[in-house]
N, C-alpha and C. Protein backbone atom coordinates (compact mmCIF):
# COMPACT_ATOMS: atom_id res chain seq x y z
N UNK A 1 -46.72 37.03 66.44
CA UNK A 1 -46.01 36.83 67.69
C UNK A 1 -44.57 37.29 67.53
N UNK A 2 -44.18 38.22 68.40
CA UNK A 2 -42.85 38.81 68.24
C UNK A 2 -41.81 38.21 69.16
N UNK A 3 -42.22 37.25 69.99
CA UNK A 3 -41.27 36.69 70.94
C UNK A 3 -40.14 35.97 70.23
N UNK A 4 -38.98 36.02 70.84
CA UNK A 4 -37.83 35.27 70.33
C UNK A 4 -37.90 33.85 70.84
N UNK A 5 -37.86 32.83 69.99
CA UNK A 5 -37.95 31.46 70.46
C UNK A 5 -36.79 31.12 71.38
N UNK A 6 -36.96 30.09 72.23
CA UNK A 6 -35.87 29.63 73.07
C UNK A 6 -34.60 29.37 72.26
N UNK A 7 -33.46 29.38 72.96
CA UNK A 7 -32.19 29.57 72.29
C UNK A 7 -31.61 28.33 71.61
N UNK A 8 -32.17 27.14 71.83
CA UNK A 8 -31.64 26.01 71.09
C UNK A 8 -32.75 25.30 70.34
N UNK A 9 -32.43 24.28 69.60
CA UNK A 9 -33.35 23.70 68.63
C UNK A 9 -34.43 22.88 69.30
N UNK A 10 -35.55 23.52 69.61
CA UNK A 10 -36.65 22.80 70.27
C UNK A 10 -37.30 21.78 69.33
N UNK A 11 -37.14 21.92 68.03
CA UNK A 11 -37.77 20.96 67.13
C UNK A 11 -37.21 19.56 67.35
N UNK A 12 -36.01 19.48 67.92
CA UNK A 12 -35.43 18.17 68.22
C UNK A 12 -35.78 17.71 69.62
N UNK A 13 -36.19 18.64 70.51
CA UNK A 13 -36.30 18.29 71.92
C UNK A 13 -37.64 18.61 72.53
N UNK A 14 -38.60 19.19 71.77
CA UNK A 14 -39.82 19.67 72.40
C UNK A 14 -40.68 18.54 72.94
N UNK A 15 -40.44 17.28 72.52
CA UNK A 15 -41.20 16.18 73.07
C UNK A 15 -40.81 15.88 74.50
N UNK A 16 -39.65 16.33 74.93
CA UNK A 16 -39.19 16.13 76.29
C UNK A 16 -39.64 17.33 77.11
N UNK A 17 -40.83 17.25 77.70
CA UNK A 17 -41.38 18.42 78.38
C UNK A 17 -40.64 18.76 79.66
N UNK A 18 -40.03 17.77 80.29
CA UNK A 18 -39.25 18.09 81.48
C UNK A 18 -38.06 18.98 81.12
N UNK A 19 -37.39 18.62 80.05
CA UNK A 19 -36.26 19.43 79.60
C UNK A 19 -36.73 20.81 79.13
N UNK A 20 -37.86 20.84 78.45
CA UNK A 20 -38.43 22.10 77.99
C UNK A 20 -38.74 23.01 79.17
N UNK A 21 -39.35 22.46 80.20
CA UNK A 21 -39.66 23.28 81.39
C UNK A 21 -38.39 23.82 82.03
N UNK A 22 -37.38 22.98 82.18
CA UNK A 22 -36.13 23.43 82.81
C UNK A 22 -35.51 24.56 82.01
N UNK A 23 -35.47 24.42 80.70
CA UNK A 23 -34.84 25.43 79.88
C UNK A 23 -35.60 26.76 79.91
N UNK A 24 -36.92 26.67 79.84
CA UNK A 24 -37.72 27.88 79.87
C UNK A 24 -37.61 28.60 81.20
N UNK A 25 -37.57 27.84 82.29
CA UNK A 25 -37.41 28.47 83.60
C UNK A 25 -36.04 29.13 83.73
N UNK A 26 -35.01 28.47 83.22
CA UNK A 26 -33.67 29.03 83.29
C UNK A 26 -33.61 30.33 82.49
N UNK A 27 -34.19 30.32 81.28
CA UNK A 27 -34.18 31.53 80.47
C UNK A 27 -35.01 32.64 81.11
N UNK A 28 -36.11 32.28 81.77
CA UNK A 28 -36.93 33.28 82.45
C UNK A 28 -36.17 33.93 83.60
N UNK A 29 -35.45 33.14 84.35
CA UNK A 29 -34.73 33.67 85.50
C UNK A 29 -33.51 34.49 85.09
N UNK A 30 -33.03 34.32 83.87
CA UNK A 30 -31.84 35.03 83.41
C UNK A 30 -32.12 35.98 82.25
N UNK A 31 -33.38 36.31 82.04
CA UNK A 31 -33.73 37.11 80.88
C UNK A 31 -33.17 38.53 81.00
N UNK A 32 -32.77 39.08 79.87
CA UNK A 32 -32.28 40.45 79.81
C UNK A 32 -33.45 41.42 79.95
N UNK A 33 -33.17 42.62 80.45
CA UNK A 33 -34.16 43.68 80.59
C UNK A 33 -35.39 43.20 81.36
N UNK A 34 -35.15 42.45 82.41
CA UNK A 34 -36.25 41.90 83.19
C UNK A 34 -37.14 43.00 83.79
N UNK A 35 -36.50 44.04 84.34
CA UNK A 35 -37.29 45.11 84.96
C UNK A 35 -38.20 45.79 83.94
N UNK A 36 -37.69 46.04 82.75
CA UNK A 36 -38.50 46.66 81.70
C UNK A 36 -39.65 45.75 81.29
N UNK A 37 -39.36 44.47 81.11
CA UNK A 37 -40.41 43.52 80.73
C UNK A 37 -41.48 43.41 81.81
N UNK A 38 -41.06 43.43 83.07
CA UNK A 38 -42.01 43.36 84.17
C UNK A 38 -42.90 44.60 84.20
N UNK A 39 -42.31 45.77 84.06
CA UNK A 39 -43.10 47.00 84.03
C UNK A 39 -44.09 46.99 82.87
N UNK A 40 -43.65 46.52 81.72
CA UNK A 40 -44.54 46.47 80.56
C UNK A 40 -45.72 45.52 80.80
N UNK A 41 -45.44 44.37 81.40
CA UNK A 41 -46.51 43.41 81.64
C UNK A 41 -47.45 43.91 82.74
N UNK A 42 -46.93 44.62 83.75
CA UNK A 42 -47.82 45.23 84.74
C UNK A 42 -48.81 46.17 84.04
N UNK A 43 -48.30 46.97 83.11
CA UNK A 43 -49.15 47.91 82.39
C UNK A 43 -50.17 47.18 81.54
N UNK A 44 -49.74 46.15 80.81
CA UNK A 44 -50.66 45.37 79.98
C UNK A 44 -51.77 44.79 80.83
N UNK A 45 -51.42 44.20 81.97
CA UNK A 45 -52.42 43.56 82.82
C UNK A 45 -53.39 44.60 83.40
N UNK A 46 -52.87 45.73 83.86
CA UNK A 46 -53.75 46.76 84.43
C UNK A 46 -54.74 47.28 83.39
N UNK A 47 -54.25 47.57 82.18
CA UNK A 47 -55.13 48.09 81.14
C UNK A 47 -56.16 47.04 80.72
N UNK A 48 -55.76 45.78 80.65
CA UNK A 48 -56.70 44.73 80.26
C UNK A 48 -57.76 44.55 81.33
N UNK A 49 -57.37 44.55 82.60
CA UNK A 49 -58.35 44.39 83.67
C UNK A 49 -59.37 45.53 83.68
N UNK A 50 -58.95 46.71 83.25
CA UNK A 50 -59.87 47.86 83.23
C UNK A 50 -61.02 47.65 82.25
N UNK A 51 -60.88 46.69 81.33
CA UNK A 51 -61.94 46.42 80.36
C UNK A 51 -62.90 45.34 80.83
N UNK A 52 -62.62 44.74 81.96
CA UNK A 52 -63.36 43.56 82.41
C UNK A 52 -64.42 43.91 83.45
N UNK A 53 -65.45 43.08 83.51
CA UNK A 53 -66.53 43.28 84.47
C UNK A 53 -66.46 42.32 85.66
N UNK A 54 -65.59 41.31 85.59
CA UNK A 54 -65.51 40.36 86.69
C UNK A 54 -65.08 41.08 87.97
N UNK A 55 -65.61 40.60 89.10
CA UNK A 55 -65.31 41.22 90.39
C UNK A 55 -64.46 40.34 91.29
N UNK A 56 -64.28 39.09 90.93
CA UNK A 56 -63.48 38.18 91.76
C UNK A 56 -62.43 37.51 90.88
N UNK A 57 -61.17 37.61 91.30
CA UNK A 57 -60.05 37.13 90.48
C UNK A 57 -59.16 36.21 91.31
N UNK A 58 -58.90 35.05 90.80
CA UNK A 58 -57.90 34.16 91.37
C UNK A 58 -56.56 34.42 90.71
N UNK A 59 -55.50 34.45 91.51
CA UNK A 59 -54.17 34.73 90.99
C UNK A 59 -53.20 33.66 91.48
N UNK A 60 -51.94 34.03 91.65
CA UNK A 60 -50.93 33.07 92.10
C UNK A 60 -49.80 33.84 92.77
N UNK A 61 -49.04 33.14 93.62
CA UNK A 61 -47.85 33.69 94.26
C UNK A 61 -46.67 33.37 93.36
N UNK A 62 -45.99 34.39 92.87
CA UNK A 62 -44.93 34.18 91.87
C UNK A 62 -43.75 33.41 92.45
N UNK A 63 -43.29 32.40 91.72
CA UNK A 63 -42.12 31.60 92.10
C UNK A 63 -41.25 31.41 90.85
N UNK A 64 -40.01 31.05 91.07
CA UNK A 64 -39.10 30.64 89.99
C UNK A 64 -39.05 31.65 88.84
N UNK A 65 -39.00 32.93 89.19
CA UNK A 65 -38.86 33.95 88.18
C UNK A 65 -40.14 34.33 87.45
N UNK A 66 -41.29 33.86 87.93
CA UNK A 66 -42.56 34.21 87.30
C UNK A 66 -42.85 35.70 87.44
N UNK A 67 -43.68 36.20 86.56
CA UNK A 67 -44.22 37.54 86.68
C UNK A 67 -45.13 37.60 87.90
N UNK A 68 -45.01 38.67 88.70
CA UNK A 68 -45.84 38.84 89.88
C UNK A 68 -47.05 39.71 89.52
N UNK A 69 -48.27 39.14 89.52
CA UNK A 69 -49.44 39.92 89.12
C UNK A 69 -50.05 40.73 90.25
N UNK A 70 -49.59 40.56 91.49
CA UNK A 70 -50.28 41.15 92.63
C UNK A 70 -50.26 42.69 92.63
N UNK A 71 -49.16 43.36 92.24
CA UNK A 71 -49.23 44.82 92.18
C UNK A 71 -50.32 45.33 91.24
N UNK A 72 -50.44 44.74 90.07
CA UNK A 72 -51.49 45.16 89.13
C UNK A 72 -52.87 44.85 89.68
N UNK A 73 -53.01 43.73 90.36
CA UNK A 73 -54.31 43.37 90.93
C UNK A 73 -54.69 44.31 92.05
N UNK A 74 -53.73 44.72 92.87
CA UNK A 74 -54.05 45.66 93.92
C UNK A 74 -54.49 47.00 93.33
N UNK A 75 -53.83 47.44 92.25
CA UNK A 75 -54.26 48.67 91.57
C UNK A 75 -55.70 48.51 91.05
N UNK A 76 -56.02 47.35 90.50
CA UNK A 76 -57.38 47.07 90.03
C UNK A 76 -58.37 47.13 91.19
N UNK A 77 -58.00 46.55 92.31
CA UNK A 77 -58.90 46.50 93.48
C UNK A 77 -59.25 47.90 93.98
N UNK A 78 -58.28 48.81 93.97
CA UNK A 78 -58.50 50.12 94.54
C UNK A 78 -58.89 51.18 93.52
N UNK A 79 -59.00 50.81 92.24
CA UNK A 79 -59.08 51.82 91.18
C UNK A 79 -60.39 52.56 91.10
N UNK A 80 -61.50 51.98 91.53
CA UNK A 80 -62.81 52.60 91.31
C UNK A 80 -63.53 52.99 92.59
N UNK A 81 -62.77 53.21 93.65
CA UNK A 81 -63.36 53.74 94.86
C UNK A 81 -63.86 52.69 95.84
N UNK A 82 -64.37 53.15 96.99
CA UNK A 82 -64.73 52.23 98.08
C UNK A 82 -65.86 51.27 97.75
N UNK A 83 -66.82 51.69 96.94
CA UNK A 83 -67.92 50.78 96.59
C UNK A 83 -67.41 49.59 95.80
N UNK A 84 -66.51 49.84 94.84
CA UNK A 84 -65.93 48.75 94.06
C UNK A 84 -65.09 47.84 94.95
N UNK A 85 -64.36 48.43 95.87
CA UNK A 85 -63.50 47.62 96.74
C UNK A 85 -64.31 46.65 97.59
N UNK A 86 -65.52 47.03 97.96
CA UNK A 86 -66.35 46.14 98.76
C UNK A 86 -66.78 44.90 97.98
N UNK A 87 -66.88 45.03 96.66
CA UNK A 87 -67.36 43.92 95.84
C UNK A 87 -66.22 43.06 95.30
N UNK A 88 -65.04 43.67 95.13
CA UNK A 88 -63.94 42.96 94.47
C UNK A 88 -63.14 42.12 95.45
N UNK A 89 -62.70 40.97 94.95
CA UNK A 89 -61.85 40.09 95.76
C UNK A 89 -60.71 39.54 94.91
N UNK A 90 -59.56 39.45 95.53
CA UNK A 90 -58.38 38.82 94.93
C UNK A 90 -58.08 37.58 95.74
N UNK A 91 -57.77 36.49 95.08
CA UNK A 91 -57.48 35.25 95.80
C UNK A 91 -56.19 34.60 95.36
N UNK A 92 -55.58 33.87 96.28
CA UNK A 92 -54.41 33.05 95.99
C UNK A 92 -54.76 31.58 96.22
N UNK A 93 -54.10 30.67 95.51
CA UNK A 93 -54.46 29.25 95.61
C UNK A 93 -53.96 28.61 96.89
N UNK A 94 -54.78 27.70 97.38
CA UNK A 94 -54.42 26.81 98.49
C UNK A 94 -54.56 25.39 97.96
N UNK A 95 -53.50 24.61 98.06
CA UNK A 95 -53.46 23.27 97.47
C UNK A 95 -53.91 22.23 98.49
N UNK A 96 -54.86 21.39 98.08
CA UNK A 96 -55.21 20.20 98.86
C UNK A 96 -54.25 19.10 98.44
N UNK A 97 -53.36 18.70 99.33
CA UNK A 97 -52.30 17.77 98.94
C UNK A 97 -52.86 16.39 98.58
N UNK A 98 -53.99 16.01 99.16
CA UNK A 98 -54.57 14.69 98.88
C UNK A 98 -55.26 14.66 97.52
N UNK A 99 -56.10 15.67 97.25
CA UNK A 99 -56.84 15.67 95.98
C UNK A 99 -56.08 16.38 94.87
N UNK A 100 -55.04 17.20 95.24
CA UNK A 100 -54.25 17.99 94.29
C UNK A 100 -55.12 18.98 93.52
N UNK A 101 -56.16 19.47 94.22
CA UNK A 101 -57.00 20.53 93.69
C UNK A 101 -56.65 21.85 94.38
N UNK A 102 -57.02 22.95 93.74
CA UNK A 102 -56.79 24.28 94.28
C UNK A 102 -58.11 24.90 94.72
N UNK A 103 -58.09 25.56 95.86
CA UNK A 103 -59.16 26.49 96.22
C UNK A 103 -58.53 27.86 96.34
N UNK A 104 -59.33 28.90 96.17
CA UNK A 104 -58.82 30.26 96.16
C UNK A 104 -59.34 31.01 97.37
N UNK A 105 -58.38 31.58 98.14
CA UNK A 105 -58.69 32.27 99.38
C UNK A 105 -58.29 33.73 99.28
N UNK A 106 -59.08 34.58 99.91
CA UNK A 106 -58.89 36.03 99.82
C UNK A 106 -57.47 36.42 100.23
N UNK A 107 -56.86 37.28 99.40
CA UNK A 107 -55.56 37.89 99.69
C UNK A 107 -55.70 39.40 99.63
N UNK A 108 -54.94 40.08 100.49
CA UNK A 108 -54.85 41.54 100.45
C UNK A 108 -53.46 41.90 100.97
N UNK A 109 -52.96 43.09 100.65
CA UNK A 109 -51.64 43.48 101.15
C UNK A 109 -51.59 43.43 102.68
N UNK A 110 -50.58 42.76 103.22
CA UNK A 110 -50.49 42.58 104.66
C UNK A 110 -51.25 41.38 105.18
N UNK A 111 -51.87 40.63 104.27
CA UNK A 111 -52.63 39.44 104.67
C UNK A 111 -51.72 38.45 105.40
N UNK A 112 -52.16 37.87 106.52
CA UNK A 112 -51.36 36.82 107.16
C UNK A 112 -51.13 35.65 106.20
N UNK A 113 -49.90 35.20 106.13
CA UNK A 113 -49.53 34.15 105.19
C UNK A 113 -48.84 33.01 105.93
N UNK A 114 -48.89 31.82 105.33
CA UNK A 114 -48.15 30.66 105.82
C UNK A 114 -47.77 29.80 104.62
N UNK A 115 -46.77 28.97 104.76
CA UNK A 115 -46.35 28.11 103.65
C UNK A 115 -47.30 26.93 103.50
N UNK A 116 -47.58 26.58 102.24
CA UNK A 116 -48.39 25.38 102.01
C UNK A 116 -47.50 24.14 102.02
N UNK A 117 -48.06 23.00 101.62
CA UNK A 117 -47.32 21.74 101.69
C UNK A 117 -46.12 21.72 100.76
N UNK A 118 -46.08 22.67 99.80
CA UNK A 118 -44.98 22.71 98.84
C UNK A 118 -44.06 23.91 99.09
N UNK A 119 -44.24 24.58 100.23
CA UNK A 119 -43.37 25.69 100.58
C UNK A 119 -43.72 27.00 99.90
N UNK A 120 -44.91 27.09 99.32
CA UNK A 120 -45.35 28.32 98.65
C UNK A 120 -46.29 29.08 99.59
N UNK A 121 -46.09 30.38 99.78
CA UNK A 121 -46.96 31.13 100.69
C UNK A 121 -48.43 31.10 100.24
N UNK A 122 -49.31 30.98 101.24
CA UNK A 122 -50.75 31.00 100.99
C UNK A 122 -51.41 31.85 102.08
N UNK A 123 -52.60 32.40 101.80
CA UNK A 123 -53.32 33.15 102.83
C UNK A 123 -53.66 32.25 104.02
N UNK A 124 -53.58 32.81 105.19
CA UNK A 124 -53.87 32.05 106.41
C UNK A 124 -55.25 32.44 106.95
N UNK A 125 -56.14 31.45 106.95
CA UNK A 125 -57.46 31.59 107.58
C UNK A 125 -58.31 32.70 106.96
N UNK A 126 -58.22 32.87 105.65
CA UNK A 126 -59.11 33.82 104.98
C UNK A 126 -60.19 33.06 104.22
N UNK A 127 -61.20 33.78 103.79
CA UNK A 127 -62.37 33.18 103.15
C UNK A 127 -62.04 32.60 101.78
N UNK A 128 -62.60 31.44 101.49
CA UNK A 128 -62.50 30.84 100.15
C UNK A 128 -63.63 31.39 99.27
N UNK A 129 -63.37 31.51 97.98
CA UNK A 129 -64.40 31.97 97.06
C UNK A 129 -64.15 31.36 95.68
N UNK A 130 -65.18 31.47 94.84
CA UNK A 130 -65.12 30.94 93.47
C UNK A 130 -64.77 32.10 92.54
N UNK A 131 -63.58 32.11 91.95
CA UNK A 131 -63.19 33.24 91.09
C UNK A 131 -63.94 33.22 89.76
N UNK A 132 -64.31 34.42 89.31
CA UNK A 132 -64.91 34.56 87.99
C UNK A 132 -63.84 34.60 86.90
N UNK A 133 -62.65 35.03 87.27
CA UNK A 133 -61.53 35.14 86.33
C UNK A 133 -60.30 34.58 87.03
N UNK A 134 -59.50 33.84 86.28
CA UNK A 134 -58.35 33.17 86.87
C UNK A 134 -57.09 33.48 86.09
N UNK A 135 -56.11 34.11 86.75
CA UNK A 135 -54.80 34.32 86.16
C UNK A 135 -53.96 33.07 86.37
N UNK A 136 -53.41 32.56 85.28
CA UNK A 136 -52.69 31.28 85.32
C UNK A 136 -51.25 31.50 84.89
N UNK A 137 -50.28 31.12 85.73
CA UNK A 137 -48.88 31.28 85.32
C UNK A 137 -48.52 30.27 84.24
N UNK A 138 -47.66 30.69 83.32
CA UNK A 138 -47.25 29.82 82.22
C UNK A 138 -45.73 29.65 82.26
N UNK A 139 -45.27 28.41 82.34
CA UNK A 139 -43.85 28.15 82.09
C UNK A 139 -43.56 28.42 80.61
N UNK A 140 -44.50 27.99 79.77
CA UNK A 140 -44.43 28.25 78.34
C UNK A 140 -45.83 28.30 77.78
N UNK A 141 -45.95 28.76 76.54
CA UNK A 141 -47.24 28.72 75.86
C UNK A 141 -46.99 28.62 74.36
N UNK A 142 -47.98 28.06 73.68
CA UNK A 142 -47.83 27.85 72.25
C UNK A 142 -48.99 28.40 71.47
N UNK A 143 -49.05 28.15 70.17
CA UNK A 143 -50.16 28.62 69.35
C UNK A 143 -51.50 28.07 69.85
N UNK A 144 -52.55 28.84 69.62
CA UNK A 144 -53.89 28.37 69.97
C UNK A 144 -54.25 28.49 71.43
N UNK A 145 -53.44 29.19 72.22
CA UNK A 145 -53.78 29.39 73.63
C UNK A 145 -53.38 28.26 74.54
N UNK A 146 -52.55 27.34 74.07
CA UNK A 146 -52.16 26.21 74.92
C UNK A 146 -51.00 26.57 75.83
N UNK A 147 -51.08 26.09 77.04
CA UNK A 147 -50.14 26.43 78.11
C UNK A 147 -49.29 25.23 78.49
N UNK A 148 -48.03 25.51 78.81
CA UNK A 148 -47.16 24.51 79.42
C UNK A 148 -46.98 24.91 80.87
N UNK A 149 -47.43 24.05 81.80
CA UNK A 149 -47.28 24.31 83.22
C UNK A 149 -46.11 23.56 83.80
N UNK A 150 -46.13 23.37 85.12
CA UNK A 150 -45.04 22.69 85.79
C UNK A 150 -45.18 21.16 85.77
N UNK A 151 -46.32 20.67 85.30
CA UNK A 151 -46.48 19.24 85.17
C UNK A 151 -47.24 18.59 86.32
N UNK A 152 -47.67 19.38 87.30
CA UNK A 152 -48.40 18.81 88.43
C UNK A 152 -49.87 18.59 88.17
N UNK A 153 -50.42 19.25 87.17
CA UNK A 153 -51.83 19.07 86.82
C UNK A 153 -52.80 19.77 87.74
N UNK A 154 -52.32 20.67 88.62
CA UNK A 154 -53.21 21.31 89.59
C UNK A 154 -54.30 22.12 88.90
N UNK A 155 -53.91 22.94 87.93
CA UNK A 155 -54.90 23.79 87.28
C UNK A 155 -55.85 22.98 86.41
N UNK A 156 -55.35 21.95 85.74
CA UNK A 156 -56.23 21.12 84.91
C UNK A 156 -57.32 20.47 85.75
N UNK A 157 -56.93 19.88 86.90
CA UNK A 157 -57.92 19.22 87.76
C UNK A 157 -58.89 20.24 88.35
N UNK A 158 -58.37 21.38 88.76
CA UNK A 158 -59.22 22.40 89.37
C UNK A 158 -60.23 22.94 88.37
N UNK A 159 -59.78 23.27 87.16
CA UNK A 159 -60.68 23.83 86.16
C UNK A 159 -61.73 22.83 85.71
N UNK A 160 -61.38 21.55 85.76
CA UNK A 160 -62.36 20.54 85.38
C UNK A 160 -63.55 20.51 86.33
N UNK A 161 -63.33 20.95 87.58
CA UNK A 161 -64.38 20.90 88.59
C UNK A 161 -65.05 22.24 88.87
N UNK A 162 -64.42 23.34 88.49
CA UNK A 162 -64.99 24.66 88.78
C UNK A 162 -66.16 24.95 87.85
N UNK A 163 -67.33 25.13 88.43
CA UNK A 163 -68.53 25.45 87.66
C UNK A 163 -69.25 26.62 88.33
N UNK A 164 -69.52 27.69 87.61
CA UNK A 164 -69.15 27.90 86.21
C UNK A 164 -67.65 28.08 86.06
N UNK A 165 -67.15 27.71 84.89
CA UNK A 165 -65.72 27.80 84.65
C UNK A 165 -65.29 29.26 84.55
N UNK A 166 -64.26 29.66 85.28
CA UNK A 166 -63.81 31.04 85.17
C UNK A 166 -63.14 31.32 83.83
N UNK A 167 -63.09 32.59 83.47
CA UNK A 167 -62.29 33.02 82.33
C UNK A 167 -60.82 32.78 82.69
N UNK A 168 -60.10 32.08 81.84
CA UNK A 168 -58.71 31.73 82.14
C UNK A 168 -57.76 32.60 81.33
N UNK A 169 -56.82 33.22 82.04
CA UNK A 169 -55.92 34.19 81.44
C UNK A 169 -54.48 33.79 81.75
N UNK A 170 -53.77 33.34 80.74
CA UNK A 170 -52.36 33.02 80.91
C UNK A 170 -51.54 34.29 80.98
N UNK A 171 -50.56 34.32 81.89
CA UNK A 171 -49.69 35.48 82.06
C UNK A 171 -48.25 35.00 81.97
N UNK A 172 -47.47 35.62 81.07
CA UNK A 172 -46.10 35.16 80.84
C UNK A 172 -45.29 36.26 80.18
N UNK A 173 -43.98 36.15 80.30
CA UNK A 173 -43.10 37.00 79.50
C UNK A 173 -43.05 36.45 78.08
N UNK A 174 -42.74 37.29 77.12
CA UNK A 174 -42.77 36.89 75.72
C UNK A 174 -41.79 35.76 75.42
N UNK A 175 -40.70 35.64 76.22
CA UNK A 175 -39.72 34.57 75.95
C UNK A 175 -40.30 33.18 76.16
N UNK A 176 -41.48 33.09 76.78
CA UNK A 176 -42.08 31.79 77.06
C UNK A 176 -42.79 31.19 75.85
N UNK A 177 -42.90 31.94 74.77
CA UNK A 177 -43.58 31.42 73.58
C UNK A 177 -42.75 30.33 72.92
N UNK A 178 -43.38 29.17 72.71
CA UNK A 178 -42.73 28.04 72.05
C UNK A 178 -43.56 27.70 70.80
N UNK A 179 -43.13 28.13 69.64
CA UNK A 179 -43.97 27.98 68.45
C UNK A 179 -44.23 26.53 68.07
N UNK A 180 -43.41 25.59 68.57
CA UNK A 180 -43.58 24.18 68.21
C UNK A 180 -44.35 23.40 69.27
N UNK A 181 -44.85 24.08 70.30
CA UNK A 181 -45.54 23.37 71.38
C UNK A 181 -46.82 22.74 70.85
N UNK A 182 -46.99 21.44 71.10
CA UNK A 182 -48.16 20.71 70.65
C UNK A 182 -49.00 20.29 71.85
N UNK A 183 -50.32 20.55 71.82
CA UNK A 183 -51.17 20.14 72.94
C UNK A 183 -51.33 18.63 72.97
N UNK A 184 -51.56 18.12 74.19
CA UNK A 184 -51.93 16.72 74.36
C UNK A 184 -53.45 16.61 74.31
N UNK A 185 -53.99 15.40 74.12
CA UNK A 185 -55.44 15.27 73.93
C UNK A 185 -56.28 15.86 75.06
N UNK A 186 -55.76 15.84 76.30
CA UNK A 186 -56.55 16.34 77.43
C UNK A 186 -56.40 17.84 77.65
N UNK A 187 -55.49 18.51 76.93
CA UNK A 187 -55.22 19.92 77.15
C UNK A 187 -56.40 20.78 76.68
N UNK A 188 -56.74 21.77 77.49
CA UNK A 188 -57.79 22.73 77.16
C UNK A 188 -57.14 24.10 77.02
N UNK A 189 -57.36 24.81 75.92
CA UNK A 189 -56.69 26.11 75.73
C UNK A 189 -57.20 27.15 76.71
N UNK A 190 -56.33 28.11 77.02
CA UNK A 190 -56.71 29.26 77.80
C UNK A 190 -57.61 30.18 76.97
N UNK A 191 -58.33 31.05 77.65
CA UNK A 191 -59.18 32.00 76.94
C UNK A 191 -58.38 33.18 76.40
N UNK A 192 -57.37 33.60 77.15
CA UNK A 192 -56.57 34.78 76.81
C UNK A 192 -55.14 34.53 77.26
N UNK A 193 -54.17 35.06 76.54
CA UNK A 193 -52.78 35.07 77.01
C UNK A 193 -52.25 36.49 76.90
N UNK A 194 -51.68 36.98 78.00
CA UNK A 194 -51.07 38.30 78.06
C UNK A 194 -49.57 38.16 78.26
N UNK A 195 -48.81 38.97 77.53
CA UNK A 195 -47.37 39.06 77.76
C UNK A 195 -46.99 40.54 77.84
N UNK A 196 -45.71 40.80 78.03
CA UNK A 196 -45.24 42.18 78.04
C UNK A 196 -45.40 42.86 76.68
N UNK A 197 -45.73 42.09 75.64
CA UNK A 197 -46.00 42.66 74.32
C UNK A 197 -47.48 42.98 74.12
N UNK A 198 -48.34 42.60 75.08
CA UNK A 198 -49.76 42.88 74.95
C UNK A 198 -50.59 41.60 74.97
N UNK A 199 -51.80 41.68 74.41
CA UNK A 199 -52.68 40.51 74.29
C UNK A 199 -52.20 39.73 73.08
N UNK A 200 -51.61 38.56 73.30
CA UNK A 200 -51.07 37.79 72.18
C UNK A 200 -52.00 36.67 71.75
N UNK A 201 -53.04 36.40 72.56
CA UNK A 201 -54.03 35.40 72.17
C UNK A 201 -55.34 35.75 72.85
N UNK A 202 -56.43 35.68 72.10
CA UNK A 202 -57.78 35.83 72.64
C UNK A 202 -58.68 34.94 71.79
N UNK A 203 -59.28 33.96 72.42
CA UNK A 203 -60.04 32.98 71.66
C UNK A 203 -61.27 33.59 70.97
N UNK A 204 -61.68 34.79 71.40
CA UNK A 204 -62.83 35.44 70.78
C UNK A 204 -62.47 36.23 69.54
N UNK A 205 -61.17 36.42 69.30
CA UNK A 205 -60.76 37.18 68.11
C UNK A 205 -60.88 36.35 66.84
């Protein structure tokens, strides 16, 4: 792993996940060479998707300085001609505020959008589907494929109920790597993690 660890001594503070999240988000929003890192991660994601057979992908609407996967996904959607486009679907999450679960609804460029209960854009009145592959944003990630999210538990609850379980792919800039991050007993590792440096974790390797 070539990522540079966060800038202060996490070994003293990594147990405070709220502070860890704040610091990682601040560093993500102020990272140097952001445009270069974004271009590199777009390339990594496009090349990785070209190796996959899944036809339905759940993604996310980028917030708080996250990497935006939608340009790479649109390139994937259109890459193999009209027959492939008829079969492929890209989805964005819609949050059920009562159950705090996510469903994934079809997104396409120009898709009508509206804000969800948390002020995040979501597709308006499009079809829901079960994704075969799920791109998951990471505030941070550690050894073994473990992810640090925002603390809401949306993805954990959703993945616990999705059957069959989709392939889970963490997407993050390399600065999000926290070598001291320890999973909690309920944490389930991601299948793959991609950064602007390439595939940095694959549970099948």
